[in-house]
C-alpha atoms as a PDB file:
ATOM      1  CA  MET A   1       0.046  -0.025  -0.038  1.00  0.00           C
ATOM      2  CA  ARG A   2       2.808   2.385   0.935  1.00  0.00           C
ATOM      3  CA  LYS A   3       4.473   1.812  -2.471  1.00  0.00           C
ATOM      4  CA  LEU A   4       1.184   2.548  -4.175  1.00  0.00           C
ATOM      5  CA  VAL A   5       0.743   5.814  -2.235  1.00  0.00           C
ATOM      6  CA  THR A   6       4.353   6.847  -2.945  1.00  0.00           C
ATOM      7  CA  ALA A   7       3.827   6.133  -6.618  1.00  0.00           C
ATOM      8  CA  ALA A   8       0.684   8.223  -6.523  1.00  0.00           C
ATOM      9  CA  ALA A   9       2.589  11.071  -4.906  1.00  0.00           C
ATOM     10  CA  ALA A  10       5.134  10.986  -7.648  1.00  0.00           C
ATOM     11  CA  ALA A  11       2.420  10.938 -10.280  1.00  0.00           C
ATOM     12  CA  PHE A  12       0.684  13.810  -8.625  1.00  0.00           C
ATOM     13  CA  VAL A  13       3.911  15.872  -8.551  1.00  0.00           C
ATOM     14  CA  GLY A  14       4.593  14.928 -12.166  1.00  0.00           C
ATOM     15  CA  THR A  15       1.180  16.223 -13.150  1.00  0.00           C
ATOM     16  CA  ALA A  16       1.871  19.438 -11.190  1.00  0.00           C
ATOM     17  CA  THR A  17       5.157  19.873 -12.883  1.00  0.00           C
ATOM     18  CA  THR A  18       3.730  19.482 -16.357  1.00  0.00           C
ATOM     19  CA  ALA A  19       0.686  21.525 -15.674  1.00  0.00           C
ATOM     20  CA  ALA A  20       2.528  24.378 -13.997  1.00  0.00           C
ATOM     21  CA  THR A  21       4.986  24.475 -16.879  1.00  0.00           C
ATOM     22  CA  VAL A  22       2.223  24.855 -19.429  1.00  0.00           C
ATOM     23  CA  LEU A  23       0.751  27.701 -17.264  1.00  0.00           C
ATOM     24  CA  ALA A  24       4.147  29.332 -16.978  1.00  0.00           C
ATOM     25  CA  ILE A  25       4.584  29.385 -20.757  1.00  0.00           C
ATOM     26  CA  GLY A  26       1.461  31.437 -21.110  1.00  0.00           C
ATOM     27  CA  ALA A  27       1.896  33.614 -18.033  1.00  0.00           C
ATOM     28  CA  GLY A  28       5.632  34.058 -17.810  1.00  0.00           C
ATOM     29  CA  PRO A  29       6.027  33.659 -14.053  1.00  0.00           C
ATOM     30  CA  ALA A  30       9.846  33.295 -14.407  1.00  0.00           C
ATOM     31  CA  GLU A  31      10.357  36.863 -15.524  1.00  0.00           C
ATOM     32  CA  SER A  32      12.356  39.159 -13.252  1.00  0.00           C
ATOM     33  CA  GLU A  33      10.498  41.042 -10.552  1.00  0.00           C
ATOM     34  CA  ALA A  34      11.125  44.428 -12.145  1.00  0.00           C
ATOM     35  CA  ASP A  35       9.916  43.243 -15.579  1.00  0.00           C
ATOM     36  CA  ARG A  36       6.965  41.299 -14.307  1.00  0.00           C
ATOM     37  CA  HIS A  37       5.544  43.711 -11.794  1.00  0.00           C
ATOM     38  CA  GLY A  38       6.257  47.035 -13.330  1.00  0.00           C
ATOM     39  CA  GLY A  39       6.607  48.562  -9.920  1.00  0.00           C
ATOM     40  CA  ARG A  40       3.359  46.861  -8.595  1.00  0.00           C
ATOM     41  CA  GLY A  41       5.141  44.760  -5.940  1.00  0.00           C
ATOM     42  CA  HIS A  42       5.075  46.058  -2.307  1.00  0.00           C
ATOM     43  CA  TYR A  43       5.869  44.885   1.202  1.00  0.00           C
ATOM     44  CA  ALA A  44       4.231  45.375   4.564  1.00  0.00           C
ATOM     45  CA  ASP A  45       5.407  44.280   7.987  1.00  0.00           C
ATOM     46  CA  VAL A  46       2.706  42.070   9.548  1.00  0.00           C
ATOM     47  CA  ASN A  47       2.961  39.698  12.517  1.00  0.00           C
ATOM     48  CA  GLY A  48       6.717  39.298  12.118  1.00  0.00           C
ATOM     49  CA  LEU A  49       6.501  38.806   8.376  1.00  0.00           C
ATOM     50  CA  HIS A  50       7.931  41.065   5.660  1.00  0.00           C
ATOM     51  CA  MET A  51       4.850  40.272   3.674  1.00  0.00           C
ATOM     52  CA  TYR A  52       4.803  40.758  -0.171  1.00  0.00           C
ATOM     53  CA  TYR A  53       1.765  41.707  -2.201  1.00  0.00           C
ATOM     54  CA  GLU A  54       1.068  43.031  -5.683  1.00  0.00           C
ATOM     55  CA  VAL A  55      -1.500  45.590  -6.721  1.00  0.00           C
ATOM     56  CA  HIS A  56      -2.875  45.435 -10.281  1.00  0.00           C
ATOM     57  CA  GLY A  57      -5.446  47.505 -12.020  1.00  0.00           C
ATOM     58  CA  LYS A  58      -7.172  50.699 -11.003  1.00  0.00           C
ATOM     59  CA  ASP A  59      -9.985  51.609  -8.592  1.00  0.00           C
ATOM     60  CA  ARG A  60     -13.116  51.635 -10.699  1.00  0.00           C
ATOM     61  CA  GLY A  61     -15.603  51.848  -7.924  1.00  0.00           C
ATOM     62  CA  GLN A  62     -15.743  48.213  -7.131  1.00  0.00           C
ATOM     63  CA  PRO A  63     -14.327  46.432  -4.046  1.00  0.00           C
ATOM     64  CA  PRO A  64     -10.785  45.201  -4.534  1.00  0.00           C
ATOM     65  CA  LEU A  65     -10.308  41.506  -5.343  1.00  0.00           C
ATOM     66  CA  VAL A  66      -7.768  39.730  -3.087  1.00  0.00           C
ATOM     67  CA  LEU A  67      -6.110  36.662  -4.652  1.00  0.00           C
ATOM     68  CA  LEU A  68      -4.810  33.978  -2.343  1.00  0.00           C
ATOM     69  CA  HIS A  69      -2.506  31.373  -3.963  1.00  0.00           C
ATOM     70  CA  GLY A  70      -2.084  27.657  -3.474  1.00  0.00           C
ATOM     71  CA  ALA A  71       0.581  25.770  -1.520  1.00  0.00           C
ATOM     72  CA  PHE A  72       4.230  25.733  -2.968  1.00  0.00           C
ATOM     73  CA  SER A  73       3.032  28.505  -5.305  1.00  0.00           C
ATOM     74  CA  ALA A  74       2.987  32.272  -5.595  1.00  0.00           C
ATOM     75  CA  THR A  75       1.292  34.864  -7.706  1.00  0.00           C
ATOM     76  CA  GLY A  76       2.756  33.677 -11.039  1.00  0.00           C
ATOM     77  CA  THR A  77       2.150  29.973 -10.830  1.00  0.00           C
ATOM     78  CA  SER A  78      -1.291  30.209  -9.232  1.00  0.00           C
ATOM     79  CA  TRP A  79      -2.805  33.034 -11.250  1.00  0.00           C
ATOM     80  CA  GLY A  80      -0.977  33.241 -14.533  1.00  0.00           C
ATOM     81  CA  GLU A  81      -2.878  35.180 -17.124  1.00  0.00           C
ATOM     82  CA  LEU A  82      -5.981  35.470 -14.890  1.00  0.00           C
ATOM     83  CA  ILE A  83      -4.559  38.391 -12.963  1.00  0.00           C
ATOM     84  CA  ARG A  84      -4.281  40.513 -16.078  1.00  0.00           C
ATOM     85  CA  GLN A  85      -7.859  39.948 -17.131  1.00  0.00           C
ATOM     86  CA  LEU A  86      -9.323  40.200 -13.614  1.00  0.00           C
ATOM     87  CA  SER A  87      -7.622  43.548 -13.067  1.00  0.00           C
ATOM     88  CA  LYS A  88      -9.180  45.102 -16.189  1.00  0.00           C
ATOM     89  CA  ASN A  89     -12.302  46.247 -14.251  1.00  0.00           C
ATOM     90  CA  ARG A  90     -11.163  46.273 -10.641  1.00  0.00           C
ATOM     91  CA  THR A  91      -8.181  46.560  -8.383  1.00  0.00           C
ATOM     92  CA  VAL A  92      -6.606  43.159  -7.744  1.00  0.00           C
ATOM     93  CA  ILE A  93      -4.329  42.531  -4.776  1.00  0.00           C
ATOM     94  CA  SER A  94      -2.341  39.319  -4.874  1.00  0.00           C
ATOM     95  CA  VAL A  95      -0.971  38.343  -1.415  1.00  0.00           C
ATOM     96  CA  GLU A  96       2.007  36.001  -0.999  1.00  0.00           C
ATOM     97  CA  GLN A  97       1.852  33.958   2.229  1.00  0.00           C
ATOM     98  CA  GLN A  98       4.461  33.013   4.849  1.00  0.00           C
ATOM     99  CA  GLY A  99       7.352  31.115   3.260  1.00  0.00           C
ATOM    100  CA  HIS A 100       5.868  31.470  -0.289  1.00  0.00           C
ATOM    101  CA  GLY A 101       7.112  33.588  -3.183  1.00  0.00           C
ATOM    102  CA  HIS A 102       8.650  36.846  -2.133  1.00  0.00           C
ATOM    103  CA  THR A 103       7.564  36.468   1.546  1.00  0.00           C
ATOM    104  CA  ALA A 104      10.308  34.916   3.688  1.00  0.00           C
ATOM    105  CA  ASP A 105       9.552  32.257   6.192  1.00  0.00           C
ATOM    106  CA  ILE A 106       9.649  32.873   9.940  1.00  0.00           C
ATOM    107  CA  ASP A 107       9.902  30.640  13.027  1.00  0.00           C
ATOM    108  CA  ARG A 108       6.367  29.364  13.258  1.00  0.00           C
ATOM    109  CA  PRO A 109       4.410  26.568  11.568  1.00  0.00           C
ATOM    110  CA  LEU A 110       2.267  27.116   8.516  1.00  0.00           C
ATOM    111  CA  ARG A 111      -1.378  27.205   9.571  1.00  0.00           C
ATOM    112  CA  ILE A 112      -4.473  28.257   7.666  1.00  0.00           C
ATOM    113  CA  GLY A 113      -5.681  30.308  10.619  1.00  0.00           C
ATOM    114  CA  LEU A 114      -2.462  32.139  11.005  1.00  0.00           C
ATOM    115  CA  MET A 115      -2.279  32.942   7.296  1.00  0.00           C
ATOM    116  CA  ALA A 116      -5.861  34.170   7.330  1.00  0.00           C
ATOM    117  CA  GLN A 117      -5.055  36.539  10.152  1.00  0.00           C
ATOM    118  CA  ASP A 118      -1.911  37.711   8.380  1.00  0.00           C
ATOM    119  CA  THR A 119      -4.032  38.480   5.281  1.00  0.00           C
ATOM    120  CA  VAL A 120      -6.600  40.465   7.294  1.00  0.00           C
ATOM    121  CA  ASP A 121      -3.865  42.346   9.125  1.00  0.00           C
ATOM    122  CA  LEU A 122      -2.094  43.187   5.853  1.00  0.00           C
ATOM    123  CA  LEU A 123      -5.380  44.545   4.401  1.00  0.00           C
ATOM    124  CA  ASP A 124      -5.833  46.666   7.551  1.00  0.00           C
ATOM    125  CA  GLU A 125      -2.242  47.912   7.218  1.00  0.00           C
ATOM    126  CA  ILE A 126      -2.810  49.052   3.547  1.00  0.00           C
ATOM    127  CA  GLY A 127      -6.279  50.519   4.209  1.00  0.00           C
ATOM    128  CA  VAL A 128      -8.603  47.880   2.691  1.00  0.00           C
ATOM    129  CA  ALA A 129     -11.747  47.735   4.818  1.00  0.00           C
ATOM    130  CA  LYS A 130     -13.725  45.225   2.686  1.00  0.00           C
ATOM    131  CA  ALA A 131     -13.011  43.117  -0.322  1.00  0.00           C
ATOM    132  CA  ASP A 132     -13.885  40.181  -2.537  1.00  0.00           C
ATOM    133  CA  PHE A 133     -11.599  37.141  -1.975  1.00  0.00           C
ATOM    134  CA  TYR A 134     -10.582  34.576  -4.554  1.00  0.00           C
ATOM    135  CA  GLY A 135      -8.689  31.630  -3.167  1.00  0.00           C
ATOM    136  CA  TYR A 136      -7.210  28.515  -4.854  1.00  0.00           C
ATOM    137  CA  SER A 137      -6.492  25.356  -2.928  1.00  0.00           C
ATOM    138  CA  MET A 138      -4.590  26.419   0.287  1.00  0.00           C
ATOM    139  CA  GLY A 139      -5.667  29.954  -0.521  1.00  0.00           C
ATOM    140  CA  ALA A 140      -9.278  28.890  -0.699  1.00  0.00           C
ATOM    141  CA  GLY A 141      -8.918  27.490   2.843  1.00  0.00           C
ATOM    142  CA  ILE A 142      -7.537  30.850   3.915  1.00  0.00           C
ATOM    143  CA  ALA A 143     -10.449  32.725   2.158  1.00  0.00           C
ATOM    144  CA  LEU A 144     -13.020  30.412   3.812  1.00  0.00           C
ATOM    145  CA  THR A 145     -11.465  31.035   7.182  1.00  0.00           C
ATOM    146  CA  ILE A 146     -11.625  34.801   6.633  1.00  0.00           C
ATOM    147  CA  GLY A 147     -15.232  34.500   5.640  1.00  0.00           C
ATOM    148  CA  VAL A 148     -16.060  32.641   8.856  1.00  0.00           C
ATOM    149  CA  GLU A 149     -13.873  34.578  11.327  1.00  0.00           C
ATOM    150  CA  HIS A 150     -13.820  38.057   9.718  1.00  0.00           C
ATOM    151  CA  PRO A 151     -17.163  38.440   7.895  1.00  0.00           C
ATOM    152  CA  GLU A 152     -16.906  42.248   8.131  1.00  0.00           C
ATOM    153  CA  LYS A 153     -13.970  42.036   5.688  1.00  0.00           C
ATOM    154  CA  VAL A 154     -15.850  40.033   3.050  1.00  0.00           C
ATOM    155  CA  ARG A 155     -18.225  41.093   0.329  1.00  0.00           C
ATOM    156  CA  LYS A 156     -18.033  37.865  -1.825  1.00  0.00           C
ATOM    157  CA  LEU A 157     -15.904  34.708  -1.786  1.00  0.00           C
ATOM    158  CA  VAL A 158     -14.632  32.612  -4.678  1.00  0.00           C
ATOM    159  CA  LEU A 159     -13.470  29.227  -3.313  1.00  0.00           C
ATOM    160  CA  GLN A 160     -11.665  27.155  -5.947  1.00  0.00           C
ATOM    161  CA  SER A 161     -10.713  23.537  -5.092  1.00  0.00           C
ATOM    162  CA  VAL A 162     -11.204  23.467  -1.302  1.00  0.00           C
ATOM    163  CA  ALA A 163     -12.322  20.916   1.277  1.00  0.00           C
ATOM    164  CA  PHE A 164     -13.759  22.163   4.507  1.00  0.00           C
ATOM    165  CA  ASN A 165     -12.953  18.869   6.235  1.00  0.00           C
ATOM    166  CA  ASN A 166     -10.878  15.834   5.577  1.00  0.00           C
ATOM    167  CA  ASP A 167     -13.920  13.697   4.716  1.00  0.00           C
ATOM    168  CA  GLY A 168     -14.195  15.674   1.509  1.00  0.00           C
ATOM    169  CA  TYR A 169     -10.989  14.316  -0.025  1.00  0.00           C
ATOM    170  CA  HIS A 170     -10.848  11.288  -2.271  1.00  0.00           C
ATOM    171  CA  PRO A 171      -9.513   8.285  -0.406  1.00  0.00           C
ATOM    172  CA  GLY A 172      -5.703   8.244  -0.341  1.00  0.00           C
ATOM    173  CA  HIS A 173      -5.154  11.859  -1.109  1.00  0.00           C
ATOM    174  CA  LEU A 174      -3.920  12.890   2.316  1.00  0.00           C
ATOM    175  CA  GLU A 175      -1.676   9.843   2.535  1.00  0.00           C
ATOM    176  CA  MET A 176      -0.218  10.829  -0.829  1.00  0.00           C
ATOM    177  CA  MET A 177       0.516  14.338   0.339  1.00  0.00           C
ATOM    178  CA  ARG A 178       2.372  12.992   3.311  1.00  0.00           C
ATOM    179  CA  GLN A 179       4.643  11.063   0.990  1.00  0.00           C
ATOM    180  CA  ILE A 180       5.792  14.027  -1.126  1.00  0.00           C
ATOM    181  CA  GLN A 181       9.430  14.741  -0.793  1.00  0.00           C
ATOM    182  CA  PRO A 182      11.235  18.001  -1.812  1.00  0.00           C
ATOM    183  CA  GLU A 183      13.269  16.311  -4.535  1.00  0.00           C
ATOM    184  CA  MET A 184      10.029  15.271  -6.261  1.00  0.00           C
ATOM    185  CA  LEU A 185       9.431  19.013  -6.943  1.00  0.00           C
ATOM    186  CA  TYR A 186      12.893  19.847  -8.069  1.00  0.00           C
ATOM    187  CA  GLY A 187      12.803  21.249 -11.596  1.00  0.00           C
ATOM    188  CA  SER A 188       9.093  22.009 -11.441  1.00  0.00           C
ATOM    189  CA  THR A 189       7.870  25.487 -12.135  1.00  0.00           C
ATOM    190  CA  PHE A 190       7.022  25.870  -8.465  1.00  0.00           C
ATOM    191  CA  HIS A 191      10.615  25.081  -7.604  1.00  0.00           C
ATOM    192  CA  GLN A 192      11.994  27.348 -10.379  1.00  0.00           C
ATOM    193  CA  GLU A 193       9.737  30.244  -9.311  1.00  0.00           C
ATOM    194  CA  TYR A 194      10.806  29.835  -5.717  1.00  0.00           C
ATOM    195  CA  LEU A 195      14.532  29.794  -6.575  1.00  0.00           C
ATOM    196  CA  GLU A 196      14.112  32.977  -8.649  1.00  0.00           C
ATOM    197  CA  ILE A 197      11.988  35.101  -6.349  1.00  0.00           C
ATOM    198  CA  ALA A 198      12.245  33.782  -2.729  1.00  0.00           C
ATOM    199  CA  PRO A 199      14.535  35.884  -0.460  1.00  0.00           C
ATOM    200  CA  ASN A 200      16.021  32.612   0.857  1.00  0.00           C
ATOM    201  CA  PRO A 201      15.931  30.098  -1.990  1.00  0.00           C
ATOM    202  CA  GLU A 202      17.662  27.477   0.053  1.00  0.00           C
ATOM    203  CA  ASP A 203      14.501  27.197   2.170  1.00  0.00           C
ATOM    204  CA  PHE A 204      12.497  25.239  -0.420  1.00  0.00           C
ATOM    205  CA  ASP A 205      12.963  21.903   1.289  1.00  0.00           C
ATOM    206  CA  ALA A 206      11.789  23.442   4.505  1.00  0.00           C
ATOM    207  CA  LEU A 207       8.690  24.809   2.760  1.00  0.00           C
ATOM    208  CA  VAL A 208       7.774  21.381   1.534  1.00  0.00           C
ATOM    209  CA  GLY A 209       8.084  19.999   5.100  1.00  0.00           C
ATOM    210  CA  LYS A 210       5.940  22.824   6.487  1.00  0.00           C
ATOM    211  CA  VAL A 211       3.240  22.315   3.904  1.00  0.00           C
ATOM    212  CA  LYS A 212       3.101  18.599   4.796  1.00  0.00           C
ATOM    213  CA  ASP A 213       2.860  19.560   8.472  1.00  0.00           C
ATOM    214  CA  MET A 214       0.059  21.989   7.587  1.00  0.00           C
ATOM    215  CA  VAL A 215      -1.865  19.202   5.927  1.00  0.00           C
ATOM    216  CA  ASN A 216      -1.674  17.162   9.158  1.00  0.00           C
ATOM    217  CA  HIS A 217      -2.858  20.084  11.250  1.00  0.00           C
ATOM    218  CA  THR A 218      -5.667  21.750   9.232  1.00  0.00           C
ATOM    219  CA  PRO A 219      -8.856  21.726  11.322  1.00  0.00           C
ATOM    220  CA  ALA A 220     -12.290  21.132   9.867  1.00  0.00           C
ATOM    221  CA  VAL A 221     -14.535  24.135   9.422  1.00  0.00           C
ATOM    222  CA  ALA A 222     -17.893  23.493  11.151  1.00  0.00           C
ATOM    223  CA  PRO A 223     -20.828  23.326   8.825  1.00  0.00           C
ATOM    224  CA  ALA A 224     -22.787  25.627  11.198  1.00  0.00           C
ATOM    225  CA  ALA A 225     -20.044  28.234  10.821  1.00  0.00           C
ATOM    226  CA  ILE A 226     -20.191  28.125   7.044  1.00  0.00           C
ATOM    227  CA  ARG A 227     -24.014  28.291   7.149  1.00  0.00           C
ATOM    228  CA  ALA A 228     -23.797  31.371   9.281  1.00  0.00           C
ATOM    229  CA  MET A 229     -21.788  33.299   6.658  1.00  0.00           C
ATOM    230  CA  THR A 230     -23.880  35.849   4.772  1.00  0.00           C
ATOM    231  CA  ALA A 231     -21.372  36.588   1.953  1.00  0.00           C
ATOM    232  CA  PRO A 232     -22.256  35.038  -1.427  1.00  0.00           C
ATOM    233  CA  VAL A 233     -19.879  32.158  -2.370  1.00  0.00           C
ATOM    234  CA  LEU A 234     -18.876  30.862  -5.740  1.00  0.00           C
ATOM    235  CA  THR A 235     -17.696  27.313  -5.196  1.00  0.00           C
ATOM    236  CA  VAL A 236     -15.432  26.077  -8.083  1.00  0.00           C
ATOM    237  CA  MET A 237     -13.992  22.606  -8.528  1.00  0.00           C
ATOM    238  CA  GLY A 238     -12.597  20.451 -11.324  1.00  0.00           C
ATOM    239  CA  ASP A 239     -14.641  17.398 -12.150  1.00  0.00           C
ATOM    240  CA  SER A 240     -11.560  15.304 -11.346  1.00  0.00           C
ATOM    241  CA  ASP A 241     -10.397  17.341  -8.447  1.00  0.00           C
ATOM    242  CA  ILE A 242      -8.691  16.086  -5.220  1.00  0.00           C
ATOM    243  CA  PHE A 243     -12.046  16.058  -3.353  1.00  0.00           C
ATOM    244  CA  ARG A 244     -15.324  14.366  -4.069  1.00  0.00           C
ATOM    245  CA  PRO A 245     -17.940  16.282  -6.229  1.00  0.00           C
ATOM    246  CA  GLU A 246     -20.409  15.615  -3.474  1.00  0.00           C
ATOM    247  CA  HIS A 247     -18.300  17.684  -1.111  1.00  0.00           C
ATOM    248  CA  ALA A 248     -18.550  20.728  -3.425  1.00  0.00           C
ATOM    249  CA  VAL A 249     -22.331  20.293  -3.552  1.00  0.00           C
ATOM    250  CA  GLU A 250     -22.408  20.073   0.266  1.00  0.00           C
ATOM    251  CA  LEU A 251     -20.436  23.355   0.469  1.00  0.00           C
ATOM    252  CA  PHE A 252     -22.773  24.939  -2.058  1.00  0.00           C
ATOM    253  CA  ARG A 253     -25.765  23.900   0.038  1.00  0.00           C
ATOM    254  CA  LEU A 254     -24.181  25.272   3.197  1.00  0.00           C
ATOM    255  CA  THR A 255     -23.754  28.694   1.511  1.00  0.00           C
ATOM    256  CA  GLY A 256     -27.352  28.960   0.396  1.00  0.00           C
ATOM    257  CA  GLY A 257     -27.419  26.868  -2.786  1.00  0.00           C
ATOM    258  CA  GLY A 258     -29.166  23.748  -3.781  1.00  0.00           C
ATOM    259  CA  VAL A 259     -32.627  25.156  -4.087  1.00  0.00           C
ATOM    260  CA  ASN A 260     -35.295  25.107  -6.871  1.00  0.00           C
ATOM    261  CA  GLY A 261     -34.502  28.477  -8.410  1.00  0.00           C
ATOM    262  CA  ASP A 262     -37.644  28.418 -10.545  1.00  0.00           C
ATOM    263  CA  ILE A 263     -39.711  28.578  -7.373  1.00  0.00           C
ATOM    264  CA  THR A 264     -37.596  30.274  -4.796  1.00  0.00           C
ATOM    265  CA  GLY A 265     -35.430  32.439  -7.090  1.00  0.00           C
ATOM    266  CA  LEU A 266     -31.778  31.886  -7.700  1.00  0.00           C
ATOM    267  CA  PRO A 267     -29.544  32.006  -4.629  1.00  0.00           C
ATOM    268  CA  ASN A 268     -26.668  34.486  -4.295  1.00  0.00           C
ATOM    269  CA  SER A 269     -24.181  31.647  -4.134  1.00  0.00           C
ATOM    270  CA  GLN A 270     -23.174  29.602  -7.172  1.00  0.00           C
ATOM    271  CA  LEU A 271     -21.529  26.323  -8.005  1.00  0.00           C
ATOM    272  CA  ALA A 272     -19.243  25.636 -10.993  1.00  0.00           C
ATOM    273  CA  VAL A 273     -17.756  22.298 -11.937  1.00  0.00           C
ATOM    274  CA  LEU A 274     -15.048  22.606 -14.594  1.00  0.00           C
ATOM    275  CA  PRO A 275     -15.229  19.724 -17.091  1.00  0.00           C
ATOM    276  CA  GLY A 276     -12.131  17.603 -17.890  1.00  0.00           C
ATOM    277  CA  THR A 277     -10.274  19.316 -15.055  1.00  0.00           C
ATOM    278  CA  SER A 278      -7.988  18.116 -12.210  1.00  0.00           C
ATOM    279  CA  HIS A 279      -6.863  19.997  -9.100  1.00  0.00           C
ATOM    280  CA  ILE A 280      -3.655  21.134 -10.638  1.00  0.00           C
ATOM    281  CA  THR A 281      -5.025  22.131 -14.022  1.00  0.00           C
ATOM    282  CA  SER A 282      -8.113  23.991 -12.663  1.00  0.00           C
ATOM    283  CA  VAL A 283      -6.234  27.320 -12.591  1.00  0.00           C
ATOM    284  CA  GLN A 284      -5.360  26.885 -16.224  1.00  0.00           C
ATOM    285  CA  GLN A 285      -8.986  27.070 -17.251  1.00  0.00           C
ATOM    286  CA  ALA A 286      -8.704  30.723 -18.043  1.00  0.00           C
ATOM    287  CA  ARG A 287     -11.546  30.910 -20.619  1.00  0.00           C
ATOM    288  CA  LEU A 288     -14.093  29.387 -18.136  1.00  0.00           C
ATOM    289  CA  LEU A 289     -12.835  31.127 -15.053  1.00  0.00           C
ATOM    290  CA  LEU A 290     -12.737  34.565 -16.776  1.00  0.00           C
ATOM    291  CA  THR A 291     -16.354  34.126 -17.743  1.00  0.00           C
ATOM    292  CA  LEU A 292     -17.524  32.695 -14.335  1.00  0.00           C
ATOM    293  CA  VAL A 293     -15.653  34.769 -11.776  1.00  0.00           C
ATOM    294  CA  PRO A 294     -16.212  38.339 -13.084  1.00  0.00           C
ATOM    295  CA  ALA A 295     -19.923  37.549 -13.688  1.00  0.00           C
ATOM    296  CA  PHE A 296     -20.250  36.297 -10.147  1.00  0.00           C
ATOM    297  CA  LEU A 297     -18.482  39.352  -8.638  1.00  0.00           C
ATOM    298  CA  ASP A 298     -20.527  41.793 -10.688  1.00  0.00           C
ATOM    299  CA  ALA A 299     -23.900  40.161 -10.026  1.00  0.00           C
ATOM    300  CA  PRO A 300     -26.215  42.063  -7.666  1.00  0.00           C
ATOM    301  CA  VAL A 301     -26.820  40.499  -4.282  1.00  0.00           C
ATOM    302  CA  ARG A 302     -30.545  39.554  -4.080  1.00  0.00           C
END
């Protein structure tokens, strides 16, 4: 069994490497900071972190959209060409979390709750009172935690590829994650991006260890807490994601969906299942996401 899980971990990482490389070709995440950001990169000191964030687009009268990347990743490898299109009609703020991208690690574990608080405190520091949040994978867990614990900060949430408890994952996924070794990611776009932009590129192996530890210590979010949120939620998943489709439907129901819209009217929350899509490849579905996400953000709240 352990050999099978280790083989699955290697296959998962291989898919991640291939998929991220395809994304990188289109988005150019390996460009230099000066070329890529055009002066849009900033730092703020938050909770012991010298925390990096990018600001794209202009204030056009809409709440800013805060992007929260996945594990091992940063702005480039998580968001690719999406950030350019999303920022055409709104200000977009991409936050890089502890130990990821340009933000150096500090002497504390990686925890979803800590990163959620870091994000909220960063937004307070730069004067953002309320925003829309779009999180992918680990970032979606952060966004969900912000929605539950800091509802005053949230107008709308986009949660892409997230499980709110371990029962949501396909059998074997968590075991596979525990088998991932740093060398499995060497040469991937995640690794290349880290070597090029991280302040301490020698810390990549430590990041992998901290992500694995985070997976083992991520608490479930209580269904009652999700149900209590009032912010509309767009739940997005790939049809071959790391968690069961039924779990996404359950999250959709907890956020007000799953009703007969012809009788009760359409709910403010939405569900999108991306066809022919895995967890790693879901952020590559630019055509679909750039149709779904702006339409959800722009829709009036009923």
